């Protein structure tokens, strides 16, 4: 049966994991300490960990050589090309101070 969902409804899916009983006990205790249900604790904690992994992947990681090349380009930029000079002249003609 297909239902249309309103803006406030979200599709949910089940996620199952088999873990040792001792680990579940730790999760239950941690959830209790945070005042959360086990499900809320697992979802919140897994979400935080997943977002951290994605952030770490998205961070630009420059090698030492890349860092030096970047700094040199900022400190000693190349001369403008003829196309760039032409574009600057056109811009100045269009945008008069």
N, C-alpha and C. Protein backbone atom coordinates (compact mmCIF):
# COMPACT_ATOMS: atom_id res chain seq x y z
N UNK A 1 0.85 -1.18 0.00
CA UNK A 1 0.00 0.00 0.00
C UNK A 1 0.89 1.24 0.00
N UNK A 2 0.74 2.10 -0.98
CA UNK A 2 1.53 3.31 -1.10
C UNK A 2 0.82 4.47 -0.43
N UNK A 3 1.53 5.14 0.46
CA UNK A 3 0.97 6.33 1.10
C UNK A 3 1.85 7.50 0.72
N UNK A 4 1.22 8.66 0.54
CA UNK A 4 2.00 9.87 0.35
C UNK A 4 2.44 10.37 1.71
N UNK A 5 3.70 10.78 1.79
CA UNK A 5 4.23 11.26 3.06
C UNK A 5 4.17 12.78 3.09
N UNK A 6 3.81 13.32 4.23
CA UNK A 6 3.83 14.76 4.41
C UNK A 6 5.27 15.19 4.68
N UNK A 7 5.51 16.49 4.73
CA UNK A 7 6.86 17.01 4.97
C UNK A 7 7.45 16.55 6.30
N UNK A 8 6.58 16.28 7.29
CA UNK A 8 7.08 15.90 8.61
C UNK A 8 7.35 14.41 8.74
N UNK A 9 6.82 13.61 7.81
CA UNK A 9 7.02 12.17 7.90
C UNK A 9 8.30 11.79 7.18
N UNK A 10 9.02 10.86 7.76
CA UNK A 10 10.24 10.37 7.13
C UNK A 10 10.14 8.87 6.98
N UNK A 11 10.68 8.38 5.88
CA UNK A 11 10.72 6.94 5.67
C UNK A 11 11.77 6.37 6.61
N UNK A 12 11.44 5.35 7.30
CA UNK A 12 12.41 4.71 8.19
C UNK A 12 12.68 3.30 7.70
N UNK A 13 13.85 2.83 8.04
CA UNK A 13 14.24 1.47 7.70
C UNK A 13 14.81 0.79 8.92
N UNK A 14 14.73 -0.50 8.93
CA UNK A 14 15.25 -1.28 10.05
C UNK A 14 16.71 -1.60 9.79
N UNK A 15 17.50 -1.52 10.84
CA UNK A 15 18.91 -1.89 10.78
C UNK A 15 19.14 -2.88 11.91
N UNK A 16 19.65 -4.03 11.59
CA UNK A 16 19.89 -5.05 12.61
C UNK A 16 21.37 -5.35 12.71
N UNK A 17 21.81 -5.65 13.89
CA UNK A 17 23.19 -6.04 14.10
C UNK A 17 23.24 -7.08 15.22
N UNK A 18 24.04 -8.08 15.02
CA UNK A 18 24.23 -9.09 16.06
C UNK A 18 25.53 -8.74 16.77
N UNK A 19 25.42 -8.54 18.07
CA UNK A 19 26.59 -8.15 18.87
C UNK A 19 26.65 -9.01 20.11
N UNK A 20 27.82 -9.10 20.72
CA UNK A 20 27.92 -9.87 21.97
C UNK A 20 27.07 -9.22 23.06
N UNK A 21 26.55 -10.05 23.95
CA UNK A 21 25.69 -9.57 25.04
C UNK A 21 26.40 -8.53 25.89
N UNK A 22 27.71 -8.73 26.11
CA UNK A 22 28.47 -7.78 26.92
C UNK A 22 28.49 -6.39 26.28
N UNK A 23 28.61 -6.35 24.97
CA UNK A 23 28.62 -5.07 24.28
C UNK A 23 27.25 -4.40 24.36
N UNK A 24 26.21 -5.19 24.23
CA UNK A 24 24.85 -4.63 24.37
C UNK A 24 24.68 -4.06 25.77
N UNK A 25 25.19 -4.74 26.77
CA UNK A 25 25.09 -4.23 28.14
C UNK A 25 25.78 -2.87 28.27
N UNK A 26 26.92 -2.71 27.62
CA UNK A 26 27.63 -1.43 27.65
C UNK A 26 26.78 -0.36 26.97
N UNK A 27 26.19 -0.70 25.82
CA UNK A 27 25.34 0.26 25.10
C UNK A 27 24.13 0.67 25.95
N UNK A 28 23.53 -0.29 26.59
CA UNK A 28 22.35 -0.01 27.43
C UNK A 28 22.76 0.91 28.58
N UNK A 29 23.89 0.63 29.20
CA UNK A 29 24.35 1.46 30.32
C UNK A 29 24.67 2.88 29.84
N UNK A 30 25.36 3.00 28.71
CA UNK A 30 25.69 4.32 28.17
C UNK A 30 24.43 5.09 27.81
N UNK A 31 23.46 4.42 27.21
CA UNK A 31 22.19 5.08 26.87
C UNK A 31 21.50 5.58 28.12
N UNK A 32 21.51 4.77 29.16
CA UNK A 32 20.90 5.16 30.43
C UNK A 32 21.59 6.38 31.03
N UNK A 33 22.92 6.39 30.95
CA UNK A 33 23.67 7.52 31.49
C UNK A 33 23.37 8.82 30.74
N UNK A 34 23.04 8.70 29.48
CA UNK A 34 22.67 9.88 28.69
C UNK A 34 21.17 10.18 28.75
N UNK A 35 20.43 9.32 29.39
CA UNK A 35 18.98 9.53 29.47
C UNK A 35 18.29 9.26 28.15
N UNK A 36 18.84 8.33 27.37
CA UNK A 36 18.28 8.01 26.07
C UNK A 36 17.83 6.56 26.03
N UNK A 37 16.95 6.28 25.07
CA UNK A 37 16.63 4.88 24.83
C UNK A 37 17.83 4.25 24.12
N UNK A 38 17.86 2.94 24.10
CA UNK A 38 18.95 2.26 23.42
C UNK A 38 18.98 2.63 21.94
N UNK A 39 17.82 2.64 21.31
CA UNK A 39 17.75 3.00 19.89
C UNK A 39 18.25 4.42 19.66
N UNK A 40 17.79 5.37 20.47
CA UNK A 40 18.23 6.76 20.31
C UNK A 40 19.74 6.87 20.51
N UNK A 41 20.26 6.17 21.50
CA UNK A 41 21.70 6.21 21.74
C UNK A 41 22.48 5.67 20.55
N UNK A 42 22.07 4.52 20.04
CA UNK A 42 22.77 3.90 18.92
C UNK A 42 22.70 4.81 17.69
N UNK A 43 21.52 5.34 17.38
CA UNK A 43 21.37 6.18 16.20
C UNK A 43 22.18 7.47 16.35
N UNK A 44 22.10 8.11 17.51
CA UNK A 44 22.84 9.35 17.74
C UNK A 44 24.34 9.12 17.66
N UNK A 45 24.82 8.11 18.32
CA UNK A 45 26.25 7.83 18.35
C UNK A 45 26.77 7.43 16.97
N UNK A 46 26.04 6.58 16.27
CA UNK A 46 26.45 6.17 14.93
C UNK A 46 26.42 7.36 13.97
N UNK A 47 25.43 8.23 14.11
CA UNK A 47 25.35 9.42 13.26
C UNK A 47 26.54 10.33 13.49
N UNK A 48 26.88 10.57 14.76
CA UNK A 48 28.04 11.42 15.07
C UNK A 48 29.32 10.83 14.49
N UNK A 49 29.50 9.53 14.64
CA UNK A 49 30.71 8.88 14.12
C UNK A 49 30.75 8.94 12.60
N UNK A 50 29.63 8.71 11.94
CA UNK A 50 29.57 8.75 10.48
C UNK A 50 29.86 10.15 9.96
N UNK A 51 29.29 11.17 10.60
CA UNK A 51 29.54 12.54 10.18
C UNK A 51 31.01 12.91 10.35
N UNK A 52 31.63 12.44 11.41
CA UNK A 52 33.06 12.69 11.63
C UNK A 52 33.90 12.07 10.53
N UNK A 53 33.59 10.84 10.16
CA UNK A 53 34.33 10.16 9.10
C UNK A 53 34.20 10.93 7.79
N UNK A 54 32.98 11.39 7.48
CA UNK A 54 32.76 12.14 6.24
C UNK A 54 33.52 13.47 6.29
N UNK A 55 33.48 14.16 7.44
CA UNK A 55 34.23 15.43 7.57
C UNK A 55 35.72 15.21 7.34
N UNK A 56 36.26 14.16 7.95
CA UNK A 56 37.69 13.87 7.80
C UNK A 56 38.03 13.59 6.34
N UNK A 57 37.16 12.92 5.64
CA UNK A 57 37.40 12.61 4.23
C UNK A 57 37.36 13.88 3.39
N UNK A 58 36.50 14.81 3.78
CA UNK A 58 36.32 16.03 3.00
C UNK A 58 37.40 17.08 3.25
N UNK A 59 38.19 16.92 4.29
CA UNK A 59 39.23 17.89 4.61
C UNK A 59 40.36 17.75 3.58
N UNK A 60 40.80 18.89 3.08
CA UNK A 60 41.89 18.89 2.11
C UNK A 60 43.19 18.55 2.83
N UNK A 61 43.83 17.50 2.41
CA UNK A 61 45.05 17.04 3.05
C UNK A 61 46.22 17.29 2.09
N UNK A 62 46.96 18.37 2.34
CA UNK A 62 48.07 18.73 1.47
C UNK A 62 49.37 18.11 1.97
N UNK A 63 50.15 17.61 1.03
CA UNK A 63 51.48 17.13 1.39
C UNK A 63 52.35 18.36 1.63
N UNK A 64 53.50 18.16 2.18
CA UNK A 64 54.44 19.26 2.44
C UNK A 64 54.78 19.98 1.13
N UNK A 65 55.02 19.21 0.08
CA UNK A 65 55.34 19.79 -1.22
C UNK A 65 54.17 20.64 -1.73
N UNK A 66 52.92 20.14 -1.56
CA UNK A 66 51.75 20.89 -1.98
C UNK A 66 51.60 22.19 -1.19
N UNK A 67 51.89 22.12 0.10
CA UNK A 67 51.80 23.32 0.95
C UNK A 67 52.78 24.39 0.47
N UNK A 68 53.99 23.98 0.14
CA UNK A 68 55.01 24.93 -0.32
C UNK A 68 54.60 25.53 -1.66
N UNK A 69 54.10 24.69 -2.58
CA UNK A 69 53.68 25.19 -3.89
C UNK A 69 52.52 26.17 -3.75
N UNK A 70 51.58 25.89 -2.86
CA UNK A 70 50.44 26.78 -2.63
C UNK A 70 50.92 28.12 -2.07
N UNK A 71 51.78 28.07 -1.06
CA UNK A 71 52.30 29.31 -0.45
C UNK A 71 53.08 30.12 -1.47
N UNK A 72 53.89 29.47 -2.29
CA UNK A 72 54.65 30.18 -3.32
C UNK A 72 53.74 30.84 -4.34
N UNK A 73 52.66 30.17 -4.70
CA UNK A 73 51.71 30.75 -5.66
C UNK A 73 51.04 31.99 -5.08
N UNK A 74 50.78 31.98 -3.77
CA UNK A 74 50.19 33.16 -3.12
C UNK A 74 51.19 34.29 -3.00
N UNK A 75 52.44 33.95 -2.65
CA UNK A 75 53.46 34.97 -2.44
C UNK A 75 54.05 35.50 -3.75
N UNK A 76 54.09 34.66 -4.76
CA UNK A 76 54.69 35.04 -6.05
C UNK A 76 53.74 34.65 -7.19
N UNK A 77 52.61 35.34 -7.29
CA UNK A 77 51.63 34.93 -8.31
C UNK A 77 52.21 35.15 -9.71
N UNK A 78 51.78 34.33 -10.67
CA UNK A 78 52.27 34.50 -12.03
C UNK A 78 51.71 35.79 -12.64
N UNK A 79 52.38 36.31 -13.65
CA UNK A 79 51.90 37.51 -14.33
C UNK A 79 50.57 37.19 -15.02
N UNK A 80 49.69 38.20 -15.09
CA UNK A 80 48.41 37.95 -15.75
C UNK A 80 48.59 37.63 -17.24
N UNK A 81 47.80 36.71 -17.71
CA UNK A 81 47.87 36.31 -19.12
C UNK A 81 47.20 37.39 -19.99
N UNK A 82 47.45 37.37 -21.28
CA UNK A 82 46.78 38.34 -22.17
C UNK A 82 45.25 38.27 -22.07
N UNK A 83 44.69 37.07 -21.93
CA UNK A 83 43.23 36.94 -21.79
C UNK A 83 42.74 37.60 -20.50
N UNK A 84 43.49 37.42 -19.43
CA UNK A 84 43.10 38.03 -18.16
C UNK A 84 43.18 39.55 -18.25
N UNK A 85 44.22 40.06 -18.88
CA UNK A 85 44.35 41.53 -19.06
C UNK A 85 43.18 42.07 -19.88
N UNK A 86 42.81 41.36 -20.94
CA UNK A 86 41.69 41.78 -21.78
C UNK A 86 40.39 41.76 -20.98
N UNK A 87 40.19 40.73 -20.18
CA UNK A 87 38.98 40.64 -19.35
C UNK A 87 38.94 41.79 -18.34
N UNK A 88 40.08 42.15 -17.78
CA UNK A 88 40.13 43.25 -16.81
C UNK A 88 39.79 44.58 -17.49
N UNK A 89 40.30 44.79 -18.70
CA UNK A 89 39.97 46.02 -19.43
C UNK A 89 38.47 46.09 -19.72
N UNK A 90 37.90 44.97 -20.17
CA UNK A 90 36.46 44.93 -20.45
C UNK A 90 35.66 45.21 -19.20
N UNK A 91 36.06 44.64 -18.09
CA UNK A 91 35.36 44.85 -16.82
C UNK A 91 35.41 46.33 -16.43
N UNK A 92 36.59 46.94 -16.55
CA UNK A 92 36.74 48.37 -16.17
C UNK A 92 35.87 49.26 -17.06
N UNK A 93 35.72 48.90 -18.35
CA UNK A 93 34.86 49.69 -19.23
C UNK A 93 33.39 49.56 -18.82
N UNK A 94 32.99 48.36 -18.40
CA UNK A 94 31.59 48.13 -18.01
C UNK A 94 31.25 48.70 -16.65
N UNK A 95 32.19 48.63 -15.72
CA UNK A 95 31.96 49.07 -14.35
C UNK A 95 32.82 50.30 -14.11
N UNK A 96 32.22 51.45 -14.28
CA UNK A 96 32.97 52.70 -14.09
C UNK A 96 32.78 53.16 -12.66
N UNK A 97 33.87 53.51 -11.96
CA UNK A 97 33.73 53.97 -10.57
C UNK A 97 33.03 55.29 -10.44
